[in-house]
N, C-alpha and C. Protein backbone atom coordinates (compact mmCIF):
# COMPACT_ATOMS: atom_id res chain seq x y z
N UNK A 1 0.85 -1.18 0.00
CA UNK A 1 0.00 0.00 0.00
C UNK A 1 0.89 1.24 0.00
N UNK A 2 0.52 2.26 -0.88
CA UNK A 2 1.31 3.49 -1.00
C UNK A 2 1.05 4.39 0.20
N UNK A 3 2.18 5.09 0.61
CA UNK A 3 2.03 6.06 1.68
C UNK A 3 1.39 7.32 1.16
N UNK A 4 0.53 7.99 1.95
CA UNK A 4 -0.08 9.25 1.52
C UNK A 4 0.98 10.34 1.47
N UNK A 5 0.79 11.26 0.50
CA UNK A 5 1.75 12.39 0.38
C UNK A 5 1.72 13.21 1.66
N UNK A 6 2.89 13.58 2.12
CA UNK A 6 2.97 14.34 3.38
C UNK A 6 3.53 15.74 3.18
N UNK A 7 3.51 16.32 1.92
CA UNK A 7 4.00 17.68 1.65
C UNK A 7 5.44 17.69 1.17
N UNK A 8 6.04 18.89 1.19
CA UNK A 8 7.41 19.07 0.69
C UNK A 8 8.41 18.58 1.72
N UNK A 9 9.48 18.05 1.18
CA UNK A 9 10.59 17.67 2.07
C UNK A 9 11.40 18.92 2.38
N UNK A 10 12.28 18.83 3.36
CA UNK A 10 13.12 19.97 3.74
C UNK A 10 14.02 20.39 2.59
N UNK A 11 14.54 19.42 1.86
CA UNK A 11 15.43 19.73 0.72
C UNK A 11 14.67 20.49 -0.35
N UNK A 12 13.45 20.03 -0.66
CA UNK A 12 12.64 20.70 -1.67
C UNK A 12 12.30 22.14 -1.25
N UNK A 13 12.01 22.29 0.04
CA UNK A 13 11.69 23.62 0.55
C UNK A 13 12.88 24.57 0.44
N UNK A 14 14.06 24.07 0.79
CA UNK A 14 15.28 24.90 0.70
C UNK A 14 15.59 25.28 -0.74
N UNK A 15 15.42 24.32 -1.67
CA UNK A 15 15.65 24.61 -3.09
C UNK A 15 14.68 25.68 -3.58
N UNK A 16 13.40 25.55 -3.18
CA UNK A 16 12.39 26.53 -3.58
C UNK A 16 12.69 27.91 -3.05
N UNK A 17 13.11 27.98 -1.76
CA UNK A 17 13.45 29.28 -1.17
C UNK A 17 14.66 29.91 -1.84
N UNK A 18 15.64 29.07 -2.20
CA UNK A 18 16.84 29.58 -2.88
C UNK A 18 16.49 30.18 -4.23
N UNK A 19 15.68 29.47 -5.00
CA UNK A 19 15.26 29.96 -6.31
C UNK A 19 14.48 31.26 -6.17
N UNK A 20 13.58 31.28 -5.19
CA UNK A 20 12.78 32.49 -4.94
C UNK A 20 13.68 33.67 -4.58
N UNK A 21 14.71 33.41 -3.75
CA UNK A 21 15.64 34.47 -3.35
C UNK A 21 16.41 35.03 -4.54
N UNK A 22 16.84 34.11 -5.43
CA UNK A 22 17.59 34.54 -6.62
C UNK A 22 16.71 35.41 -7.51
N UNK A 23 15.47 34.99 -7.71
CA UNK A 23 14.54 35.76 -8.54
C UNK A 23 14.28 37.15 -7.94
N UNK A 24 14.04 37.20 -6.62
CA UNK A 24 13.76 38.47 -5.96
C UNK A 24 14.96 39.40 -6.01
N UNK A 25 16.15 38.84 -5.84
CA UNK A 25 17.37 39.65 -5.92
C UNK A 25 17.53 40.26 -7.30
N UNK A 26 17.26 39.48 -8.33
CA UNK A 26 17.35 39.98 -9.71
C UNK A 26 16.35 41.10 -9.96
N UNK A 27 15.13 40.92 -9.43
CA UNK A 27 14.10 41.94 -9.61
C UNK A 27 14.50 43.24 -8.91
N UNK A 28 15.02 43.14 -7.68
CA UNK A 28 15.45 44.33 -6.93
C UNK A 28 16.58 45.04 -7.66
N UNK A 29 17.56 44.28 -8.16
CA UNK A 29 18.68 44.88 -8.89
C UNK A 29 18.19 45.60 -10.14
N UNK A 30 17.27 44.97 -10.86
CA UNK A 30 16.75 45.58 -12.08
C UNK A 30 15.99 46.86 -11.76
N UNK A 31 15.16 46.81 -10.70
CA UNK A 31 14.40 47.99 -10.29
C UNK A 31 15.33 49.12 -9.85
N UNK A 32 16.38 48.77 -9.10
CA UNK A 32 17.34 49.78 -8.62
C UNK A 32 18.06 50.44 -9.79
N UNK A 33 18.46 49.61 -10.77
CA UNK A 33 19.16 50.15 -11.95
C UNK A 33 18.25 51.08 -12.75
N UNK A 34 16.98 50.67 -12.91
CA UNK A 34 16.02 51.50 -13.65
C UNK A 34 15.76 52.81 -12.91
N UNK A 35 15.63 52.72 -11.59
CA UNK A 35 15.38 53.92 -10.79
C UNK A 35 16.56 54.88 -10.84
N UNK A 36 17.79 54.32 -10.76
CA UNK A 36 18.99 55.16 -10.84
C UNK A 36 19.10 55.83 -12.19
N UNK A 37 18.80 55.09 -13.25
CA UNK A 37 18.84 55.65 -14.59
C UNK A 37 17.83 56.77 -14.77
N UNK A 38 16.64 56.57 -14.22
CA UNK A 38 15.59 57.58 -14.30
C UNK A 38 16.00 58.84 -13.55
N UNK A 39 16.58 58.67 -12.35
CA UNK A 39 17.04 59.80 -11.56
C UNK A 39 18.15 60.57 -12.27
N UNK A 40 19.09 59.83 -12.86
CA UNK A 40 20.20 60.46 -13.58
C UNK A 40 19.70 61.25 -14.77
N UNK A 41 18.79 60.66 -15.54
CA UNK A 41 18.26 61.34 -16.72
C UNK A 41 17.49 62.60 -16.34
N UNK A 42 16.67 62.50 -15.29
CA UNK A 42 15.91 63.67 -14.84
C UNK A 42 16.82 64.78 -14.34
N UNK A 43 17.84 64.39 -13.55
CA UNK A 43 18.77 65.38 -13.03
C UNK A 43 19.54 66.06 -14.15
N UNK A 44 20.00 65.28 -15.12
CA UNK A 44 20.75 65.83 -16.24
C UNK A 44 19.87 66.78 -17.06
N UNK A 45 18.61 66.42 -17.25
CA UNK A 45 17.69 67.27 -18.02
C UNK A 45 17.42 68.58 -17.29
N UNK A 46 17.22 68.51 -15.97
CA UNK A 46 16.99 69.71 -15.17
C UNK A 46 18.20 70.64 -15.21
N UNK A 47 19.38 70.04 -15.08
CA UNK A 47 20.62 70.81 -15.10
C UNK A 47 20.81 71.49 -16.44
N UNK A 48 20.63 70.74 -17.51
CA UNK A 48 20.82 71.30 -18.85
C UNK A 48 19.85 72.45 -19.11
N UNK A 49 18.61 72.29 -18.68
CA UNK A 49 17.60 73.32 -18.88
C UNK A 49 17.95 74.59 -18.09
N UNK A 50 18.42 74.43 -16.86
CA UNK A 50 18.78 75.57 -16.02
C UNK A 50 19.99 76.31 -16.57
N UNK A 51 21.01 75.57 -16.99
CA UNK A 51 22.20 76.19 -17.56
C UNK A 51 21.85 76.93 -18.85
N UNK A 52 21.00 76.32 -19.67
CA UNK A 52 20.60 76.95 -20.93
C UNK A 52 19.84 78.25 -20.68
N UNK A 53 18.97 78.28 -19.67
CA UNK A 53 18.21 79.48 -19.37
C UNK A 53 19.13 80.62 -18.93
N UNK A 54 20.11 80.30 -18.09
CA UNK A 54 21.08 81.30 -17.63
C UNK A 54 21.93 81.79 -18.80
N UNK A 55 22.39 80.86 -19.63
CA UNK A 55 23.21 81.22 -20.79
C UNK A 55 22.45 82.11 -21.76
N UNK A 56 21.17 81.83 -21.97
CA UNK A 56 20.36 82.65 -22.87
C UNK A 56 20.28 84.09 -22.39
N UNK A 57 20.12 84.28 -21.07
CA UNK A 57 20.10 85.62 -20.51
C UNK A 57 21.42 86.34 -20.75
N UNK A 58 22.52 85.64 -20.47
CA UNK A 58 23.84 86.22 -20.65
C UNK A 58 24.09 86.60 -22.11
N UNK A 59 23.73 85.70 -23.01
CA UNK A 59 23.95 85.95 -24.43
C UNK A 59 23.14 87.15 -24.90
N UNK A 60 21.90 87.23 -24.46
CA UNK A 60 21.03 88.33 -24.86
C UNK A 60 21.62 89.68 -24.43
N UNK A 61 22.14 89.74 -23.21
CA UNK A 61 22.70 91.00 -22.72
C UNK A 61 24.07 91.29 -23.31
N UNK A 62 24.90 90.27 -23.44
CA UNK A 62 26.25 90.48 -23.98
C UNK A 62 26.22 90.93 -25.43
N UNK A 63 25.24 90.47 -26.19
CA UNK A 63 25.10 90.92 -27.58
C UNK A 63 24.87 92.43 -27.67
N UNK A 64 24.29 92.99 -26.62
CA UNK A 64 23.97 94.42 -26.62
C UNK A 64 25.11 95.28 -26.08
N UNK A 65 26.20 94.67 -25.63
CA UNK A 65 27.32 95.42 -25.06
C UNK A 65 27.76 96.53 -26.02
N UNK A 66 27.84 97.76 -25.51
CA UNK A 66 28.27 98.89 -26.31
C UNK A 66 27.16 99.63 -27.03
N UNK A 67 25.93 99.15 -26.91
CA UNK A 67 24.82 99.76 -27.65
C UNK A 67 24.43 101.12 -27.05
N UNK A 68 24.18 102.08 -27.94
CA UNK A 68 23.59 103.37 -27.57
C UNK A 68 22.84 103.89 -28.78
N UNK A 69 21.53 104.11 -28.61
CA UNK A 69 20.69 104.56 -29.73
C UNK A 69 21.05 105.97 -30.18
N UNK A 70 21.68 106.75 -29.31
CA UNK A 70 22.04 108.12 -29.68
C UNK A 70 23.51 108.21 -30.12
N UNK A 71 24.12 107.03 -30.31
CA UNK A 71 25.49 106.94 -30.84
C UNK A 71 26.51 107.70 -30.01
N UNK A 72 26.33 107.71 -28.72
CA UNK A 72 27.32 108.34 -27.85
C UNK A 72 28.45 107.35 -27.56
N UNK A 73 29.65 107.87 -27.39
CA UNK A 73 30.78 107.03 -27.03
C UNK A 73 30.73 106.71 -25.54
N UNK A 74 31.51 105.74 -25.11
CA UNK A 74 31.61 105.46 -23.68
C UNK A 74 30.90 104.20 -23.25
N UNK A 75 30.28 103.49 -24.20
CA UNK A 75 29.63 102.23 -23.87
C UNK A 75 30.42 101.08 -24.49
N UNK A 76 30.55 99.98 -23.75
CA UNK A 76 31.29 98.83 -24.28
C UNK A 76 31.74 97.90 -23.18
N UNK A 77 32.83 97.19 -23.42
CA UNK A 77 33.39 96.27 -22.43
C UNK A 77 34.18 97.05 -21.40
N UNK A 78 33.89 96.82 -20.13
CA UNK A 78 34.60 97.52 -19.05
C UNK A 78 35.56 96.59 -18.30
N UNK A 79 35.30 95.30 -18.34
CA UNK A 79 36.18 94.29 -17.74
C UNK A 79 36.22 93.08 -18.66
N UNK A 80 37.39 92.54 -18.86
CA UNK A 80 37.52 91.37 -19.74
C UNK A 80 38.52 90.39 -19.12
N UNK A 81 38.05 89.65 -18.15
CA UNK A 81 38.88 88.68 -17.46
C UNK A 81 38.40 87.26 -17.77
N UNK A 82 39.15 86.28 -17.34
CA UNK A 82 38.84 84.89 -17.67
C UNK A 82 37.54 84.43 -17.03
N UNK A 83 37.30 84.83 -15.79
CA UNK A 83 36.09 84.38 -15.09
C UNK A 83 35.16 85.54 -14.76
N UNK A 84 35.37 86.66 -15.42
CA UNK A 84 34.55 87.85 -15.12
C UNK A 84 34.50 88.75 -16.34
N UNK A 85 33.30 89.30 -16.61
CA UNK A 85 33.15 90.26 -17.69
C UNK A 85 32.22 91.38 -17.24
N UNK A 86 32.57 92.61 -17.58
CA UNK A 86 31.75 93.77 -17.29
C UNK A 86 31.50 94.55 -18.57
N UNK A 87 30.33 95.13 -18.70
CA UNK A 87 30.01 95.89 -19.92
C UNK A 87 28.92 96.91 -19.62
N UNK A 88 28.76 97.87 -20.53
CA UNK A 88 27.73 98.89 -20.38
C UNK A 88 26.86 98.92 -21.63
N UNK A 89 25.58 99.20 -21.41
CA UNK A 89 24.58 99.29 -22.48
C UNK A 89 23.69 100.50 -22.17
N UNK A 90 23.40 101.30 -23.16
CA UNK A 90 22.54 102.47 -22.97
C UNK A 90 21.07 102.06 -23.04
N UNK A 91 20.62 101.37 -21.99
CA UNK A 91 19.26 100.82 -21.99
C UNK A 91 18.19 101.90 -22.09
N UNK A 92 18.45 103.06 -21.49
CA UNK A 92 17.44 104.13 -21.49
C UNK A 92 17.65 105.17 -22.59
N UNK A 93 18.63 104.91 -23.46
CA UNK A 93 18.86 105.74 -24.64
C UNK A 93 19.04 107.23 -24.33
N UNK A 94 19.78 107.53 -23.27
CA UNK A 94 20.04 108.94 -22.96
C UNK A 94 21.48 109.34 -23.21
N UNK A 95 22.30 108.38 -23.68
CA UNK A 95 23.69 108.68 -23.98
C UNK A 95 24.59 108.72 -22.77
N UNK A 96 24.05 108.40 -21.58
CA UNK A 96 24.82 108.43 -20.34
C UNK A 96 24.83 107.04 -19.70
N UNK A 97 25.92 106.72 -19.02
CA UNK A 97 26.00 105.45 -18.28
C UNK A 97 25.26 105.65 -16.97
N UNK A 98 24.01 105.22 -16.94
CA UNK A 98 23.14 105.42 -15.78
C UNK A 98 23.29 104.26 -14.79
N UNK A 99 23.59 104.60 -13.55
CA UNK A 99 23.84 103.57 -12.55
C UNK A 99 22.58 102.82 -12.15
N UNK A 100 21.44 103.52 -12.10
CA UNK A 100 20.20 102.89 -11.67
C UNK A 100 19.01 103.44 -12.45
N UNK A 101 18.12 102.52 -12.83
CA UNK A 101 16.89 102.90 -13.52
C UNK A 101 15.67 102.70 -12.61
N UNK A 102 15.90 102.70 -11.32
CA UNK A 102 14.82 102.41 -10.38
C UNK A 102 13.67 103.42 -10.47
N UNK A 103 13.95 104.63 -10.91
CA UNK A 103 12.90 105.64 -11.02
C UNK A 103 12.27 105.72 -12.40
N UNK A 104 12.69 104.80 -13.30
CA UNK A 104 12.18 104.83 -14.67
C UNK A 104 11.48 103.51 -14.97
N UNK A 105 10.16 103.51 -14.90
CA UNK A 105 9.38 102.29 -15.11
C UNK A 105 9.42 101.81 -16.55
N UNK A 106 9.86 102.66 -17.47
CA UNK A 106 9.89 102.30 -18.89
C UNK A 106 11.11 101.44 -19.23
N UNK A 107 12.08 101.35 -18.32
CA UNK A 107 13.31 100.58 -18.56
C UNK A 107 13.30 99.34 -17.68
N UNK A 108 13.34 98.17 -18.31
CA UNK A 108 13.27 96.91 -17.56
C UNK A 108 14.59 96.62 -16.84
N UNK A 109 15.72 96.89 -17.51
CA UNK A 109 17.02 96.59 -16.92
C UNK A 109 17.32 97.54 -15.77
N UNK A 110 17.96 97.03 -14.73
CA UNK A 110 18.19 97.80 -13.51
C UNK A 110 19.23 98.89 -13.68
N UNK A 111 20.20 98.68 -14.56
CA UNK A 111 21.32 99.61 -14.66
C UNK A 111 22.00 99.46 -16.03
N UNK A 112 22.69 100.53 -16.44
CA UNK A 112 23.48 100.45 -17.68
C UNK A 112 24.77 99.67 -17.47
N UNK A 113 25.12 99.43 -16.22
CA UNK A 113 26.34 98.69 -15.88
C UNK A 113 25.96 97.25 -15.50
N UNK A 114 26.52 96.28 -16.22
CA UNK A 114 26.23 94.87 -15.95
C UNK A 114 27.54 94.08 -15.91
N UNK A 115 27.63 93.12 -15.02
CA UNK A 115 28.79 92.23 -15.00
C UNK A 115 28.36 90.82 -14.62
N UNK A 116 29.08 89.86 -15.13
CA UNK A 116 28.89 88.44 -14.78
C UNK A 116 30.22 87.91 -14.25
N UNK A 117 30.15 87.09 -13.21
CA UNK A 117 31.40 86.54 -12.68
C UNK A 117 31.15 85.22 -11.95
N UNK A 118 32.23 84.48 -11.77
CA UNK A 118 32.21 83.17 -11.13
C UNK A 118 32.64 83.32 -9.68
N UNK A 119 31.77 82.93 -8.75
CA UNK A 119 32.13 82.88 -7.33
C UNK A 119 32.57 81.46 -7.03
N UNK A 120 33.87 81.24 -7.02
CA UNK A 120 34.41 79.89 -6.86
C UNK A 120 34.11 79.32 -5.48
N UNK A 121 34.13 80.15 -4.46
CA UNK A 121 33.89 79.67 -3.10
C UNK A 121 32.47 79.14 -2.95
N UNK A 122 31.49 79.84 -3.52
CA UNK A 122 30.09 79.43 -3.42
C UNK A 122 29.65 78.58 -4.60
N UNK A 123 30.56 78.35 -5.55
CA UNK A 123 30.27 77.58 -6.76
C UNK A 123 28.99 78.10 -7.43
N UNK A 124 29.02 79.39 -7.73
CA UNK A 124 27.84 80.03 -8.29
C UNK A 124 28.20 81.00 -9.40
N UNK A 125 27.21 81.29 -10.24
CA UNK A 125 27.34 82.28 -11.30
C UNK A 125 26.57 83.52 -10.86
N UNK A 126 27.25 84.65 -10.82
CA UNK A 126 26.66 85.88 -10.30
C UNK A 126 26.46 86.93 -11.40
N UNK A 127 25.39 87.69 -11.26
CA UNK A 127 25.13 88.85 -12.13
C UNK A 127 25.06 90.08 -11.24
N UNK A 128 25.82 91.11 -11.60
CA UNK A 128 25.85 92.33 -10.78
C UNK A 128 25.51 93.53 -11.66
N UNK A 129 24.71 94.44 -11.11
CA UNK A 129 24.38 95.67 -11.81
C UNK A 129 24.80 96.86 -10.95
N UNK A 130 25.09 97.98 -11.61
CA UNK A 130 25.50 99.18 -10.88
C UNK A 130 26.81 99.02 -10.17
N UNK A 131 27.74 98.29 -10.78
CA UNK A 131 29.06 98.04 -10.18
C UNK A 131 29.73 99.34 -9.76
N UNK A 132 30.30 99.33 -8.55
CA UNK A 132 31.06 100.46 -8.00
C UNK A 132 30.22 101.72 -7.81
N UNK A 133 28.91 101.55 -7.60
CA UNK A 133 28.03 102.68 -7.33
C UNK A 133 27.18 102.36 -6.10
N UNK A 134 26.45 103.37 -5.62
CA UNK A 134 25.57 103.16 -4.47
C UNK A 134 24.38 102.27 -4.82
N UNK A 135 24.13 102.07 -6.11
CA UNK A 135 22.99 101.27 -6.56
C UNK A 135 23.37 99.82 -6.87
N UNK A 136 24.56 99.40 -6.45
CA UNK A 136 25.04 98.06 -6.78
C UNK A 136 24.08 96.99 -6.25
N UNK A 137 23.85 95.97 -7.08
CA UNK A 137 22.97 94.86 -6.71
C UNK A 137 23.52 93.58 -7.33
N UNK A 138 23.54 92.50 -6.55
CA UNK A 138 24.09 91.23 -7.02
C UNK A 138 23.05 90.14 -6.92
N UNK A 139 22.90 89.36 -7.99
CA UNK A 139 21.95 88.25 -8.01
C UNK A 139 22.69 86.95 -8.33
N UNK A 140 22.34 85.89 -7.63
CA UNK A 140 22.87 84.57 -7.93
C UNK A 140 22.00 83.94 -9.01
N UNK A 141 22.56 83.66 -10.17
CA UNK A 141 21.80 83.07 -11.27
C UNK A 141 21.71 81.56 -11.17
N UNK A 142 22.78 80.93 -10.71
CA UNK A 142 22.79 79.47 -10.59
C UNK A 142 23.88 79.06 -9.61
N UNK A 143 23.57 78.07 -8.77
CA UNK A 143 24.54 77.61 -7.79
C UNK A 143 24.35 78.31 -6.45
N UNK A 144 25.37 78.25 -5.62
CA UNK A 144 25.29 78.87 -4.30
C UNK A 144 24.85 77.87 -3.24
N UNK A 145 24.86 78.33 -1.98
CA UNK A 145 24.60 77.45 -0.84
C UNK A 145 23.18 76.90 -0.83
N UNK A 146 22.21 77.61 -1.37
CA UNK A 146 20.84 77.14 -1.33
C UNK A 146 20.39 76.37 -2.55
N UNK A 147 21.31 76.06 -3.43
CA UNK A 147 20.97 75.39 -4.70
C UNK A 147 21.70 74.05 -4.78
N UNK A 148 20.98 72.99 -5.18
CA UNK A 148 21.63 71.69 -5.32
C UNK A 148 22.49 71.64 -6.59
N UNK A 149 22.22 72.55 -7.53
CA UNK A 149 23.07 72.65 -8.72
C UNK A 149 24.26 73.54 -8.39
N UNK A 150 25.42 73.19 -8.91
CA UNK A 150 26.63 73.96 -8.63
C UNK A 150 27.34 74.32 -9.93
N UNK A 151 27.85 75.54 -9.97
CA UNK A 151 28.69 75.96 -11.09
C UNK A 151 30.13 75.57 -10.76
N UNK A 152 30.74 74.76 -11.59
CA UNK A 152 32.11 74.33 -11.35
C UNK A 152 33.11 75.05 -12.26
N UNK A 153 32.59 75.78 -13.23
CA UNK A 153 33.49 76.53 -14.09
C UNK A 153 32.74 77.57 -14.92
N UNK A 154 33.32 78.76 -15.03
CA UNK A 154 32.81 79.82 -15.91
C UNK A 154 34.02 80.47 -16.56
N UNK A 155 34.04 80.45 -17.88
CA UNK A 155 35.22 80.97 -18.58
C UNK A 155 34.79 81.82 -19.77
N UNK A 156 35.40 83.01 -19.85
CA UNK A 156 35.19 83.89 -21.00
C UNK A 156 36.47 83.95 -21.82
N UNK A 157 36.32 84.02 -23.12
CA UNK A 157 37.45 84.26 -24.02
C UNK A 157 37.04 85.37 -24.97
N UNK A 158 38.02 86.07 -25.50
CA UNK A 158 37.74 87.31 -26.25
C UNK A 158 38.44 87.28 -27.61
N UNK A 159 37.72 87.77 -28.62
CA UNK A 159 38.22 87.69 -30.00
C UNK A 159 38.04 89.03 -30.72
N UNK A 160 39.00 89.31 -31.60
CA UNK A 160 38.92 90.55 -32.39
C UNK A 160 38.06 90.34 -33.63
N UNK A 161 38.05 91.33 -34.51
CA UNK A 161 37.21 91.25 -35.70
C UNK A 161 37.61 90.17 -36.67
N UNK A 162 38.83 89.68 -36.57
CA UNK A 162 39.30 88.60 -37.44
C UNK A 162 39.09 87.22 -36.82
N UNK A 163 38.54 87.19 -35.61
CA UNK A 163 38.31 85.91 -34.94
C UNK A 163 39.52 85.40 -34.18
N UNK A 164 40.52 86.26 -34.02
CA UNK A 164 41.73 85.88 -33.28
C UNK A 164 41.59 86.27 -31.82
N UNK A 165 41.97 85.36 -30.94
CA UNK A 165 41.85 85.65 -29.51
C UNK A 165 42.71 86.85 -29.15
N UNK A 166 42.16 87.74 -28.33
CA UNK A 166 42.87 88.97 -27.99
C UNK A 166 42.72 89.29 -26.50
N UNK A 167 43.70 90.01 -25.97
CA UNK A 167 43.64 90.49 -24.60
C UNK A 167 43.50 92.01 -24.57
N UNK A 168 43.38 92.61 -25.75
CA UNK A 168 43.21 94.06 -25.86
C UNK A 168 41.72 94.39 -25.78
N UNK A 169 41.31 95.06 -24.75
CA UNK A 169 39.90 95.30 -24.48
C UNK A 169 39.20 96.03 -25.63
N UNK A 170 39.86 97.03 -26.20
CA UNK A 170 39.24 97.83 -27.27
C UNK A 170 39.09 97.05 -28.57
N UNK A 171 39.81 95.93 -28.70
CA UNK A 171 39.74 95.14 -29.93
C UNK A 171 38.67 94.05 -29.90
N UNK A 172 38.03 93.87 -28.77
CA UNK A 172 37.05 92.79 -28.62
C UNK A 172 35.83 93.02 -29.51
N UNK A 173 35.49 91.99 -30.30
CA UNK A 173 34.30 92.04 -31.15
C UNK A 173 33.38 90.85 -30.91
N UNK A 174 33.90 89.78 -30.31
CA UNK A 174 33.07 88.64 -29.95
C UNK A 174 33.62 88.00 -28.68
N UNK A 175 32.74 87.25 -28.02
CA UNK A 175 33.06 86.69 -26.71
C UNK A 175 32.74 85.20 -26.69
N UNK A 176 33.67 84.41 -26.20
CA UNK A 176 33.43 82.98 -26.01
C UNK A 176 32.92 82.74 -24.59
N UNK A 177 31.91 81.92 -24.47
CA UNK A 177 31.31 81.62 -23.16
C UNK A 177 31.34 80.12 -22.92
N UNK A 178 31.85 79.72 -21.75
CA UNK A 178 31.90 78.31 -21.38
C UNK A 178 31.42 78.18 -19.94
N UNK A 179 30.29 77.47 -19.75
CA UNK A 179 29.73 77.24 -18.42
C UNK A 179 29.74 75.75 -18.13
N UNK A 180 30.27 75.37 -16.98
CA UNK A 180 30.25 73.98 -16.54
C UNK A 180 29.53 73.91 -15.20
N UNK A 181 28.54 73.00 -15.11
CA UNK A 181 27.75 72.86 -13.89
C UNK A 181 27.50 71.40 -13.60
N UNK A 182 27.15 71.10 -12.34
CA UNK A 182 26.88 69.73 -11.95
C UNK A 182 25.71 69.66 -10.96
N UNK A 183 25.15 68.46 -10.85
CA UNK A 183 24.00 68.23 -9.97
C UNK A 183 24.12 66.84 -9.35
N UNK A 184 23.75 66.67 -8.06
CA UNK A 184 23.81 65.33 -7.45
C UNK A 184 22.67 64.45 -7.96
N UNK A 185 22.97 63.18 -8.17
CA UNK A 185 21.96 62.23 -8.67
C UNK A 185 22.02 60.93 -7.88
N UNK A 186 21.90 61.03 -6.57
CA UNK A 186 21.85 59.85 -5.71
C UNK A 186 23.14 59.06 -5.69
N UNK A 187 23.03 57.74 -5.76
CA UNK A 187 24.20 56.86 -5.66
C UNK A 187 25.15 56.99 -6.83
N UNK A 188 24.65 57.54 -7.92
CA UNK A 188 25.51 57.73 -9.11
C UNK A 188 26.51 58.87 -8.91
N UNK A 189 26.36 59.62 -7.83
CA UNK A 189 27.28 60.72 -7.59
C UNK A 189 26.74 62.01 -8.16
N UNK A 190 27.41 62.54 -9.18
CA UNK A 190 27.01 63.81 -9.77
C UNK A 190 27.06 63.72 -11.30
N UNK A 191 26.17 64.48 -11.93
CA UNK A 191 26.16 64.59 -13.39
C UNK A 191 26.66 65.98 -13.75
N UNK A 192 27.51 66.06 -14.75
CA UNK A 192 28.08 67.34 -15.18
C UNK A 192 27.65 67.66 -16.60
N UNK A 193 27.37 68.93 -16.84
CA UNK A 193 27.01 69.39 -18.17
C UNK A 193 27.79 70.66 -18.49
N UNK A 194 28.14 70.82 -19.77
CA UNK A 194 28.89 71.99 -20.22
C UNK A 194 28.13 72.68 -21.34
N UNK A 195 28.07 74.00 -21.26
CA UNK A 195 27.43 74.80 -22.31
C UNK A 195 28.48 75.74 -22.89
N UNK A 196 28.54 75.81 -24.21
CA UNK A 196 29.54 76.64 -24.88
C UNK A 196 28.88 77.46 -25.99
N UNK A 197 29.30 78.72 -26.11
CA UNK A 197 28.72 79.59 -27.14
C UNK A 197 29.73 80.66 -27.54
N UNK A 198 29.58 81.17 -28.74
CA UNK A 198 30.36 82.34 -29.22
C UNK A 198 29.36 83.46 -29.49
N UNK A 199 29.58 84.61 -28.86
CA UNK A 199 28.64 85.72 -28.91
C UNK A 199 29.24 86.87 -29.71
N UNK A 200 28.57 87.28 -30.75
CA UNK A 200 29.00 88.41 -31.55
C UNK A 200 28.39 89.68 -30.99
N UNK A 201 29.25 90.64 -30.63
CA UNK A 201 28.80 91.92 -30.06
C UNK A 201 28.73 92.94 -31.19
N UNK A 202 27.56 93.12 -31.74
CA UNK A 202 27.39 93.92 -32.96
C UNK A 202 27.61 95.41 -32.74
N UNK A 203 27.61 95.85 -31.48
CA UNK A 203 27.73 97.28 -31.21
C UNK A 203 29.13 97.70 -30.77
N UNK A 204 30.06 96.77 -30.74
CA UNK A 204 31.43 97.10 -30.36
C UNK A 204 32.21 97.52 -31.60
N UNK A 205 32.98 98.60 -31.44
CA UNK A 205 33.80 99.06 -32.54
C UNK A 205 33.05 99.82 -33.61
N UNK A 206 31.77 100.13 -33.35
CA UNK A 206 30.99 100.86 -34.36
C UNK A 206 31.17 102.36 -34.21
């Protein structure tokens, strides 16, 4: 007479648990990899979008360097360093370098004096208006202690009308811009993105 089945043996149970453990481990690893990839892609996209927005602002203003609708002299590049640039634009079309437009609602820009620079200590990109005046104001465009995104490099290069790099301020006709930034993305560490552009200053040397 056959014995009635009495369930799984200990060996069968251990084999089943082992197989189940292997399957679960594979699923967890796959999920973790997918999650990390998603986080990395999202972080990189956010970083690229933020850097592009800041660069667009800089390019828009730098293209106007030296502009004056009344053709007065005295507007142009005021500082031309590797990690810092200063320039003036006659935003209110009065032919004067106006430190502050706070009393003129018709002018959107705060001042005819604008500068961009890299704060290495705070890993940030700064925009300053009204440099060396009582109306000076500084804004952090990207990076700094309150931002998870950090600027790791800001570099300007300067070119004359022939496209040759120059250190002579009066010869500058175009500006090279290089921004490098990074963002944390969990266990992957950090993702870095670089933005590069060449800006033609149509109002310089006119």
